[in-house]
N, C-alpha and C. Protein backbone atom coordinates (compact mmCIF):
# COMPACT_ATOMS: atom_id res chain seq x y z
N MET A 1 -66.24 -55.89 54.95
CA MET A 1 -66.22 -55.27 53.71
C MET A 1 -64.81 -54.93 53.29
N PRO A 2 -64.60 -55.20 52.12
CA PRO A 2 -63.23 -54.96 51.68
C PRO A 2 -62.99 -53.47 51.42
N ASP A 3 -61.76 -53.08 51.54
CA ASP A 3 -61.38 -51.67 51.35
C ASP A 3 -61.31 -51.37 49.86
N PRO A 4 -62.09 -50.37 49.34
CA PRO A 4 -62.13 -50.13 47.91
C PRO A 4 -60.87 -49.41 47.37
N THR A 5 -60.06 -48.85 48.18
CA THR A 5 -58.86 -48.16 47.69
C THR A 5 -57.74 -49.16 47.48
N PRO A 6 -57.01 -48.98 46.39
CA PRO A 6 -55.92 -49.91 46.14
C PRO A 6 -54.78 -49.66 47.10
N PRO A 7 -53.97 -50.59 47.28
CA PRO A 7 -52.86 -50.40 48.20
C PRO A 7 -51.86 -49.38 47.65
N THR A 8 -51.32 -48.53 48.47
CA THR A 8 -50.33 -47.53 48.05
C THR A 8 -48.95 -48.13 48.08
N PRO A 9 -48.14 -47.73 47.13
CA PRO A 9 -46.79 -48.29 47.11
C PRO A 9 -45.98 -47.74 48.27
N ASP A 10 -44.99 -48.45 48.60
CA ASP A 10 -44.11 -48.07 49.70
C ASP A 10 -43.29 -46.85 49.27
N PRO A 11 -43.24 -45.78 50.07
CA PRO A 11 -42.53 -44.56 49.65
C PRO A 11 -41.02 -44.76 49.55
N THR A 12 -40.45 -45.73 50.08
CA THR A 12 -39.01 -45.95 49.98
C THR A 12 -38.70 -46.62 48.66
N PRO A 13 -37.70 -46.11 47.94
CA PRO A 13 -37.38 -46.72 46.64
C PRO A 13 -36.82 -48.11 46.84
N ALA A 14 -36.97 -48.82 45.80
CA ALA A 14 -36.47 -50.19 45.84
C ALA A 14 -34.95 -50.13 45.75
N PRO A 15 -34.28 -51.01 46.39
CA PRO A 15 -32.82 -50.99 46.32
C PRO A 15 -32.37 -51.26 44.89
N PRO A 16 -31.25 -50.65 44.48
CA PRO A 16 -30.79 -50.85 43.10
C PRO A 16 -30.53 -52.31 42.85
N ALA A 17 -30.72 -52.62 41.60
CA ALA A 17 -30.52 -54.02 41.23
C ALA A 17 -29.04 -54.32 41.35
N PRO A 18 -28.72 -55.47 41.75
CA PRO A 18 -27.30 -55.80 41.86
C PRO A 18 -26.67 -55.78 40.48
N PRO A 19 -25.42 -55.34 40.42
CA PRO A 19 -24.76 -55.25 39.11
C PRO A 19 -24.62 -56.63 38.50
N ALA A 20 -24.67 -56.61 37.19
CA ALA A 20 -24.52 -57.88 36.48
C ALA A 20 -23.07 -58.28 36.57
N LYS A 21 -22.82 -59.51 36.22
CA LYS A 21 -21.46 -60.00 36.31
C LYS A 21 -20.58 -59.23 35.32
N GLY A 22 -19.39 -58.79 35.72
CA GLY A 22 -18.45 -58.06 34.89
C GLY A 22 -18.64 -56.56 34.99
N GLN A 23 -19.71 -56.07 35.59
CA GLN A 23 -19.92 -54.64 35.75
C GLN A 23 -19.61 -54.27 37.19
N GLU A 24 -19.05 -53.04 37.29
CA GLU A 24 -18.76 -52.56 38.63
C GLU A 24 -19.80 -51.55 39.04
N SER A 25 -19.93 -51.36 40.28
CA SER A 25 -20.84 -50.37 40.80
C SER A 25 -20.02 -49.24 41.40
N PHE A 26 -20.39 -47.95 41.02
CA PHE A 26 -19.65 -46.80 41.53
C PHE A 26 -20.53 -46.02 42.49
N SER A 27 -19.89 -45.38 43.38
CA SER A 27 -20.64 -44.60 44.36
C SER A 27 -21.17 -43.33 43.70
N ARG A 28 -22.20 -42.75 44.29
CA ARG A 28 -22.83 -41.54 43.77
C ARG A 28 -21.84 -40.38 43.75
N GLU A 29 -21.04 -40.25 44.80
CA GLU A 29 -20.07 -39.16 44.88
C GLU A 29 -19.04 -39.26 43.76
N TYR A 30 -18.61 -40.46 43.46
CA TYR A 30 -17.61 -40.66 42.42
C TYR A 30 -18.20 -40.31 41.04
N VAL A 31 -19.45 -40.71 40.82
CA VAL A 31 -20.10 -40.40 39.54
C VAL A 31 -20.28 -38.90 39.40
N GLU A 32 -20.68 -38.22 40.45
CA GLU A 32 -20.84 -36.76 40.41
C GLU A 32 -19.49 -36.08 40.18
N GLU A 33 -18.45 -36.59 40.76
CA GLU A 33 -17.12 -36.05 40.55
C GLU A 33 -16.70 -36.21 39.09
N LEU A 34 -16.99 -37.35 38.51
CA LEU A 34 -16.67 -37.58 37.09
C LEU A 34 -17.47 -36.64 36.19
N ARG A 35 -18.74 -36.44 36.51
CA ARG A 35 -19.58 -35.54 35.72
C ARG A 35 -19.07 -34.10 35.82
N HIS A 36 -18.68 -33.69 37.01
CA HIS A 36 -18.14 -32.35 37.21
C HIS A 36 -16.84 -32.17 36.41
N GLU A 37 -15.99 -33.20 36.45
CA GLU A 37 -14.73 -33.15 35.70
C GLU A 37 -15.01 -33.06 34.20
N ASN A 38 -15.97 -33.83 33.71
CA ASN A 38 -16.33 -33.80 32.31
C ASN A 38 -16.87 -32.42 31.92
N ALA A 39 -17.67 -31.81 32.78
CA ALA A 39 -18.21 -30.48 32.52
C ALA A 39 -17.08 -29.46 32.42
N SER A 40 -16.08 -29.58 33.27
CA SER A 40 -14.96 -28.63 33.20
C SER A 40 -14.19 -28.79 31.89
N TYR A 41 -14.05 -30.03 31.40
CA TYR A 41 -13.38 -30.26 30.11
C TYR A 41 -14.20 -29.66 28.97
N ARG A 42 -15.51 -29.84 29.01
CA ARG A 42 -16.37 -29.25 27.97
C ARG A 42 -16.27 -27.73 27.99
N THR A 43 -16.27 -27.14 29.19
CA THR A 43 -16.16 -25.68 29.31
C THR A 43 -14.84 -25.20 28.73
N ARG A 44 -13.75 -25.87 29.06
CA ARG A 44 -12.44 -25.48 28.53
C ARG A 44 -12.39 -25.63 27.02
N ALA A 45 -13.00 -26.68 26.49
CA ALA A 45 -13.03 -26.89 25.05
C ALA A 45 -13.80 -25.77 24.35
N GLN A 46 -14.94 -25.36 24.95
CA GLN A 46 -15.72 -24.27 24.37
C GLN A 46 -14.93 -22.97 24.41
N GLU A 47 -14.23 -22.71 25.51
CA GLU A 47 -13.41 -21.49 25.62
C GLU A 47 -12.28 -21.52 24.60
N ALA A 48 -11.66 -22.67 24.43
CA ALA A 48 -10.58 -22.78 23.44
C ALA A 48 -11.12 -22.57 22.03
N LYS A 49 -12.32 -23.08 21.76
CA LYS A 49 -12.93 -22.90 20.45
C LYS A 49 -13.23 -21.43 20.20
N ARG A 50 -13.76 -20.73 21.22
CA ARG A 50 -14.04 -19.29 21.09
C ARG A 50 -12.74 -18.52 20.87
N ALA A 51 -11.70 -18.86 21.61
CA ALA A 51 -10.41 -18.18 21.46
C ALA A 51 -9.84 -18.42 20.06
N ALA A 52 -9.99 -19.63 19.55
CA ALA A 52 -9.50 -19.94 18.20
C ALA A 52 -10.28 -19.14 17.16
N GLU A 53 -11.60 -19.03 17.34
CA GLU A 53 -12.41 -18.25 16.41
C GLU A 53 -12.01 -16.78 16.45
N GLN A 54 -11.76 -16.25 17.67
CA GLN A 54 -11.34 -14.85 17.79
C GLN A 54 -9.98 -14.64 17.14
N ALA A 55 -9.07 -15.58 17.32
CA ALA A 55 -7.75 -15.47 16.71
C ALA A 55 -7.86 -15.52 15.19
N THR A 56 -8.73 -16.38 14.67
CA THR A 56 -8.94 -16.47 13.23
C THR A 56 -9.51 -15.16 12.69
N GLU A 57 -10.48 -14.59 13.41
CA GLU A 57 -11.06 -13.32 12.99
C GLU A 57 -10.01 -12.21 13.03
N ALA A 58 -9.19 -12.18 14.08
CA ALA A 58 -8.14 -11.16 14.18
C ALA A 58 -7.11 -11.31 13.06
N ALA A 59 -6.77 -12.55 12.74
CA ALA A 59 -5.81 -12.79 11.66
C ALA A 59 -6.40 -12.35 10.31
N ALA A 60 -7.67 -12.63 10.09
CA ALA A 60 -8.32 -12.22 8.84
C ALA A 60 -8.37 -10.71 8.75
N LYS A 61 -8.68 -10.05 9.86
CA LYS A 61 -8.73 -8.58 9.88
C LYS A 61 -7.34 -8.01 9.61
N ALA A 62 -6.32 -8.56 10.25
CA ALA A 62 -4.95 -8.09 10.03
C ALA A 62 -4.53 -8.32 8.58
N ASN A 63 -4.95 -9.43 8.01
CA ASN A 63 -4.63 -9.73 6.62
C ASN A 63 -5.26 -8.71 5.68
N THR A 64 -6.53 -8.38 5.89
CA THR A 64 -7.19 -7.40 5.03
C THR A 64 -6.56 -6.02 5.19
N GLU A 65 -6.18 -5.66 6.43
CA GLU A 65 -5.53 -4.37 6.65
C GLU A 65 -4.17 -4.33 5.95
N ALA A 66 -3.43 -5.42 6.03
CA ALA A 66 -2.12 -5.48 5.37
C ALA A 66 -2.28 -5.40 3.86
N GLU A 67 -3.26 -6.08 3.32
CA GLU A 67 -3.50 -6.01 1.88
C GLU A 67 -3.88 -4.60 1.46
N ALA A 68 -4.68 -3.91 2.29
CA ALA A 68 -5.06 -2.52 1.99
C ALA A 68 -3.83 -1.61 2.00
N LYS A 69 -2.94 -1.82 2.97
CA LYS A 69 -1.72 -1.02 3.03
C LYS A 69 -0.81 -1.29 1.83
N ILE A 70 -0.72 -2.54 1.44
CA ILE A 70 0.10 -2.89 0.27
C ILE A 70 -0.47 -2.25 -0.98
N THR A 71 -1.78 -2.32 -1.13
CA THR A 71 -2.42 -1.72 -2.30
C THR A 71 -2.20 -0.21 -2.32
N ALA A 72 -2.33 0.43 -1.15
CA ALA A 72 -2.12 1.88 -1.08
C ALA A 72 -0.67 2.25 -1.40
N ALA A 73 0.28 1.46 -0.91
CA ALA A 73 1.69 1.72 -1.19
C ALA A 73 2.00 1.53 -2.67
N GLN A 74 1.43 0.50 -3.29
CA GLN A 74 1.63 0.28 -4.72
C GLN A 74 1.03 1.41 -5.53
N GLN A 75 -0.14 1.87 -5.13
CA GLN A 75 -0.80 2.97 -5.83
C GLN A 75 0.03 4.24 -5.72
N ALA A 76 0.57 4.52 -4.54
CA ALA A 76 1.40 5.72 -4.36
C ALA A 76 2.67 5.62 -5.19
N ALA A 77 3.28 4.46 -5.24
CA ALA A 77 4.50 4.28 -6.04
C ALA A 77 4.19 4.45 -7.52
N ASN A 78 3.09 3.90 -7.97
CA ASN A 78 2.70 4.05 -9.37
C ASN A 78 2.44 5.51 -9.73
N GLU A 79 1.81 6.24 -8.82
CA GLU A 79 1.55 7.67 -9.06
C GLU A 79 2.86 8.44 -9.16
N ARG A 80 3.83 8.10 -8.31
CA ARG A 80 5.14 8.77 -8.39
C ARG A 80 5.81 8.50 -9.73
N ILE A 81 5.75 7.26 -10.18
CA ILE A 81 6.35 6.89 -11.47
C ILE A 81 5.67 7.66 -12.60
N ILE A 82 4.34 7.73 -12.56
CA ILE A 82 3.60 8.44 -13.60
C ILE A 82 3.97 9.91 -13.60
N ARG A 83 4.05 10.54 -12.41
CA ARG A 83 4.42 11.97 -12.35
C ARG A 83 5.80 12.20 -12.92
N ALA A 84 6.75 11.31 -12.59
CA ALA A 84 8.11 11.48 -13.09
C ALA A 84 8.15 11.34 -14.61
N GLU A 85 7.44 10.36 -15.14
CA GLU A 85 7.40 10.18 -16.59
C GLU A 85 6.70 11.35 -17.27
N LEU A 86 5.66 11.89 -16.64
CA LEU A 86 4.97 13.05 -17.21
C LEU A 86 5.88 14.28 -17.23
N LYS A 87 6.70 14.43 -16.21
CA LYS A 87 7.64 15.55 -16.21
C LYS A 87 8.61 15.43 -17.38
N ALA A 88 9.10 14.23 -17.61
CA ALA A 88 10.01 14.02 -18.74
C ALA A 88 9.30 14.29 -20.06
N ALA A 89 8.07 13.82 -20.19
CA ALA A 89 7.31 14.05 -21.43
C ALA A 89 7.00 15.53 -21.61
N ALA A 90 6.72 16.22 -20.51
CA ALA A 90 6.43 17.66 -20.59
C ALA A 90 7.66 18.44 -21.03
N LEU A 91 8.81 18.10 -20.49
CA LEU A 91 10.04 18.78 -20.92
C LEU A 91 10.33 18.49 -22.39
N LYS A 92 10.09 17.27 -22.81
CA LYS A 92 10.31 16.89 -24.20
C LYS A 92 9.36 17.65 -25.12
N ALA A 93 8.13 17.88 -24.65
CA ALA A 93 7.13 18.59 -25.45
C ALA A 93 7.36 20.09 -25.43
N GLY A 94 8.23 20.57 -24.55
CA GLY A 94 8.54 21.99 -24.50
C GLY A 94 7.73 22.77 -23.50
N MET A 95 7.24 22.14 -22.45
CA MET A 95 6.48 22.86 -21.44
C MET A 95 7.41 23.84 -20.72
N VAL A 96 6.96 25.09 -20.61
CA VAL A 96 7.77 26.15 -20.02
C VAL A 96 7.87 25.97 -18.51
N ASP A 97 6.74 25.68 -17.87
CA ASP A 97 6.70 25.56 -16.42
C ASP A 97 6.01 24.24 -16.07
N LEU A 98 6.70 23.40 -15.30
CA LEU A 98 6.14 22.09 -14.95
C LEU A 98 4.94 22.18 -14.02
N ASP A 99 4.66 23.35 -13.47
CA ASP A 99 3.44 23.50 -12.67
C ASP A 99 2.21 23.34 -13.54
N GLY A 100 2.38 23.43 -14.85
CA GLY A 100 1.27 23.20 -15.77
C GLY A 100 0.75 21.78 -15.71
N LEU A 101 1.54 20.85 -15.19
CA LEU A 101 1.08 19.47 -15.06
C LEU A 101 -0.05 19.35 -14.04
N LYS A 102 -0.16 20.31 -13.17
CA LYS A 102 -1.26 20.28 -12.19
C LYS A 102 -2.61 20.46 -12.88
N LEU A 103 -2.59 21.05 -14.09
CA LEU A 103 -3.83 21.26 -14.84
C LEU A 103 -4.21 20.06 -15.68
N ALA A 104 -3.33 19.07 -15.75
CA ALA A 104 -3.55 17.92 -16.64
C ALA A 104 -4.54 16.94 -16.03
N ASP A 105 -5.31 16.30 -16.92
CA ASP A 105 -6.23 15.23 -16.52
C ASP A 105 -5.47 13.92 -16.60
N LEU A 106 -5.10 13.38 -15.46
CA LEU A 106 -4.26 12.18 -15.42
C LEU A 106 -5.05 10.88 -15.49
N SER A 107 -6.35 10.97 -15.69
CA SER A 107 -7.16 9.74 -15.70
C SER A 107 -6.86 8.86 -16.91
N LYS A 108 -6.34 9.44 -17.99
CA LYS A 108 -6.06 8.65 -19.20
C LYS A 108 -4.65 8.11 -19.22
N VAL A 109 -3.85 8.48 -18.25
CA VAL A 109 -2.47 8.02 -18.20
C VAL A 109 -2.40 6.81 -17.27
N LYS A 110 -1.87 5.73 -17.77
CA LYS A 110 -1.79 4.49 -16.99
C LYS A 110 -0.37 3.95 -17.01
N LEU A 111 -0.04 3.20 -15.97
CA LEU A 111 1.26 2.53 -15.89
C LEU A 111 1.05 1.07 -16.27
N ASN A 112 1.79 0.61 -17.28
CA ASN A 112 1.71 -0.78 -17.69
C ASN A 112 2.53 -1.59 -16.68
N GLN A 113 1.86 -2.46 -15.94
CA GLN A 113 2.52 -3.21 -14.87
C GLN A 113 3.54 -4.20 -15.41
N GLU A 114 3.30 -4.73 -16.60
CA GLU A 114 4.21 -5.73 -17.14
C GLU A 114 5.51 -5.12 -17.64
N THR A 115 5.39 -3.99 -18.38
CA THR A 115 6.59 -3.39 -18.96
C THR A 115 7.13 -2.24 -18.13
N GLY A 116 6.30 -1.63 -17.32
CA GLY A 116 6.74 -0.50 -16.51
C GLY A 116 6.68 0.81 -17.27
N ASP A 117 6.10 0.80 -18.47
CA ASP A 117 6.00 2.01 -19.29
C ASP A 117 4.72 2.76 -18.95
N VAL A 118 4.80 4.09 -19.11
CA VAL A 118 3.62 4.92 -18.90
C VAL A 118 2.94 5.08 -20.26
N GLU A 119 1.68 4.73 -20.31
CA GLU A 119 0.92 4.78 -21.55
C GLU A 119 0.00 5.99 -21.52
N GLY A 120 0.03 6.76 -22.60
CA GLY A 120 -0.86 7.92 -22.72
C GLY A 120 -0.20 9.23 -22.39
N ALA A 121 1.07 9.25 -22.04
CA ALA A 121 1.74 10.51 -21.67
C ALA A 121 1.91 11.42 -22.88
N ASP A 122 2.35 10.87 -24.01
CA ASP A 122 2.55 11.69 -25.21
C ASP A 122 1.23 12.24 -25.72
N GLU A 123 0.18 11.42 -25.67
CA GLU A 123 -1.14 11.89 -26.11
C GLU A 123 -1.64 13.00 -25.20
N LEU A 124 -1.39 12.88 -23.92
CA LEU A 124 -1.79 13.92 -22.96
C LEU A 124 -1.06 15.22 -23.26
N MET A 125 0.24 15.14 -23.53
CA MET A 125 1.01 16.36 -23.83
C MET A 125 0.52 17.00 -25.12
N ALA A 126 0.17 16.18 -26.13
CA ALA A 126 -0.35 16.73 -27.38
C ALA A 126 -1.68 17.43 -27.15
N ALA A 127 -2.54 16.83 -26.34
CA ALA A 127 -3.83 17.44 -26.04
C ALA A 127 -3.65 18.72 -25.24
N MET A 128 -2.72 18.72 -24.29
CA MET A 128 -2.48 19.93 -23.50
C MET A 128 -1.89 21.03 -24.37
N LYS A 129 -1.03 20.66 -25.30
CA LYS A 129 -0.41 21.64 -26.18
C LYS A 129 -1.47 22.32 -27.04
N GLU A 130 -2.47 21.55 -27.44
CA GLU A 130 -3.54 22.11 -28.24
C GLU A 130 -4.49 22.96 -27.40
N ALA A 131 -4.82 22.48 -26.19
CA ALA A 131 -5.79 23.17 -25.34
C ALA A 131 -5.18 24.37 -24.61
N LYS A 132 -3.93 24.27 -24.20
CA LYS A 132 -3.28 25.33 -23.42
C LYS A 132 -1.90 25.63 -24.00
N PRO A 133 -1.86 26.27 -25.17
CA PRO A 133 -0.57 26.49 -25.82
C PRO A 133 0.34 27.46 -25.07
N TYR A 134 -0.23 28.27 -24.19
CA TYR A 134 0.59 29.21 -23.44
C TYR A 134 1.53 28.52 -22.45
N LEU A 135 1.29 27.24 -22.16
CA LEU A 135 2.17 26.50 -21.25
C LEU A 135 3.43 26.00 -21.94
N PHE A 136 3.44 26.08 -23.27
CA PHE A 136 4.54 25.49 -24.02
C PHE A 136 5.32 26.56 -24.77
N GLY A 137 6.61 26.37 -24.83
CA GLY A 137 7.49 27.25 -25.59
C GLY A 137 8.00 26.48 -26.78
N SER A 138 9.19 26.83 -27.22
CA SER A 138 9.78 26.11 -28.34
C SER A 138 10.23 24.73 -27.87
N THR A 139 10.12 23.78 -28.76
CA THR A 139 10.48 22.41 -28.42
C THR A 139 11.98 22.24 -28.49
N GLN A 140 12.58 21.85 -27.39
CA GLN A 140 14.01 21.57 -27.34
C GLN A 140 14.21 20.36 -26.46
N ASN A 141 15.15 19.56 -26.85
CA ASN A 141 15.57 18.48 -25.99
C ASN A 141 17.05 18.24 -26.21
N SER A 142 17.62 17.37 -25.49
CA SER A 142 19.07 17.19 -25.55
C SER A 142 19.53 16.59 -26.87
N SER A 143 18.66 15.90 -27.59
CA SER A 143 19.10 15.30 -28.85
C SER A 143 19.06 16.30 -30.00
N THR A 144 18.20 17.31 -29.92
CA THR A 144 18.16 18.36 -30.93
C THR A 144 18.22 19.71 -30.24
N PRO A 145 19.42 20.16 -29.89
CA PRO A 145 19.49 21.44 -29.19
C PRO A 145 19.11 22.59 -30.11
N GLY A 146 18.76 23.71 -29.48
CA GLY A 146 18.39 24.91 -30.24
C GLY A 146 19.62 25.55 -30.85
N THR A 147 19.46 26.78 -31.28
CA THR A 147 20.58 27.49 -31.90
C THR A 147 21.60 27.85 -30.82
N PRO A 148 22.87 27.78 -31.18
CA PRO A 148 23.88 28.15 -30.19
C PRO A 148 23.89 29.65 -29.99
N PRO A 149 24.37 30.10 -28.85
CA PRO A 149 24.42 31.54 -28.63
C PRO A 149 25.39 32.19 -29.61
N PRO A 150 25.17 33.45 -29.96
CA PRO A 150 26.07 34.11 -30.91
C PRO A 150 27.47 34.26 -30.30
N PRO A 151 28.50 34.15 -31.13
CA PRO A 151 29.84 34.28 -30.57
C PRO A 151 30.09 35.72 -30.12
N LYS A 152 30.89 35.87 -29.09
CA LYS A 152 31.22 37.19 -28.56
C LYS A 152 32.29 37.82 -29.46
N THR A 153 32.12 39.07 -29.67
CA THR A 153 33.14 39.78 -30.44
C THR A 153 34.31 40.07 -29.52
N PRO A 154 35.51 39.89 -30.03
CA PRO A 154 36.65 40.14 -29.15
C PRO A 154 36.73 41.62 -28.79
N THR A 155 37.00 41.85 -27.56
CA THR A 155 37.16 43.23 -27.08
C THR A 155 38.60 43.41 -26.62
N ALA A 156 39.04 44.65 -26.74
CA ALA A 156 40.42 44.95 -26.33
C ALA A 156 40.49 44.94 -24.81
N LYS A 157 41.63 44.53 -24.37
CA LYS A 157 41.86 44.47 -22.93
C LYS A 157 42.22 45.88 -22.45
N LYS A 158 41.68 46.24 -21.32
CA LYS A 158 41.95 47.56 -20.76
C LYS A 158 43.35 47.59 -20.17
N ALA A 159 43.94 48.75 -20.17
CA ALA A 159 45.30 48.91 -19.66
C ALA A 159 45.36 48.61 -18.17
N GLN A 160 44.29 48.88 -17.49
CA GLN A 160 44.26 48.63 -16.04
C GLN A 160 44.27 47.13 -15.73
N GLU A 161 43.82 46.32 -16.65
CA GLU A 161 43.74 44.88 -16.45
C GLU A 161 45.01 44.17 -16.89
N MET A 162 45.92 44.88 -17.58
CA MET A 162 47.13 44.26 -18.11
C MET A 162 48.24 44.26 -17.08
N THR A 163 49.11 43.28 -17.26
CA THR A 163 50.32 43.25 -16.44
C THR A 163 51.30 44.24 -17.09
N PRO A 164 52.33 44.65 -16.37
CA PRO A 164 53.29 45.61 -16.95
C PRO A 164 53.92 45.09 -18.23
N GLU A 165 54.20 43.79 -18.35
CA GLU A 165 54.80 43.25 -19.56
C GLU A 165 53.82 43.33 -20.74
N GLU A 166 52.54 42.99 -20.47
CA GLU A 166 51.53 43.06 -21.52
C GLU A 166 51.35 44.51 -21.98
N TYR A 167 51.37 45.43 -21.05
CA TYR A 167 51.20 46.85 -21.38
C TYR A 167 52.32 47.32 -22.30
N LYS A 168 53.56 46.93 -21.94
CA LYS A 168 54.71 47.33 -22.77
C LYS A 168 54.59 46.74 -24.16
N ALA A 169 54.14 45.49 -24.30
CA ALA A 169 54.03 44.85 -25.60
C ALA A 169 52.96 45.53 -26.43
N GLU A 170 51.84 45.85 -25.85
CA GLU A 170 50.76 46.52 -26.57
C GLU A 170 51.19 47.95 -26.99
N ARG A 171 51.88 48.63 -26.14
CA ARG A 171 52.35 49.98 -26.43
C ARG A 171 53.36 49.97 -27.57
N ALA A 172 54.16 48.94 -27.62
CA ALA A 172 55.17 48.82 -28.69
C ALA A 172 54.49 48.62 -30.02
N LYS A 173 53.32 47.95 -30.06
CA LYS A 173 52.61 47.74 -31.32
C LYS A 173 52.18 49.07 -31.93
N PHE A 174 51.81 50.00 -31.11
CA PHE A 174 51.29 51.28 -31.61
C PHE A 174 52.40 52.26 -31.98
N LYS A 175 53.63 52.06 -31.57
CA LYS A 175 54.73 52.96 -31.87
C LYS A 175 55.41 52.65 -33.12
């Protein structure tokens, strides 16, 4: 009676096919070494890519911080210019005490970036003069000075202040 089970294949693998003409055959160890070397190159490339991304992010962050600092410095400089121009306008308008500028609403005063002029300073002074007249005195500026002080009346020189020659001359006038 024939055996009903099919024959089992041989557990040993078949020998590799001989290489075709023009192809070389490499040993298993050499192929594994090449694969390991390739993996190390891929790992280094990924690390370099991550480092480049981190450097790009750091540069972008530094750029935004620098732009913020530049903007803050420009804003501070513009505020200084506006305050200086407001002081000049306040003196021109006759403000008695420049501490009154602390009461002013500076939101309507702007610096024209193209011309460098402060816009709205005169209007602000006019509004302040109307709203807080106690801050302003008489209007004076260097182009239209106020009244000159009254001239001093000549006074006679005291004898104690005169030299002996002056005393003799004055005494001779009265004799």
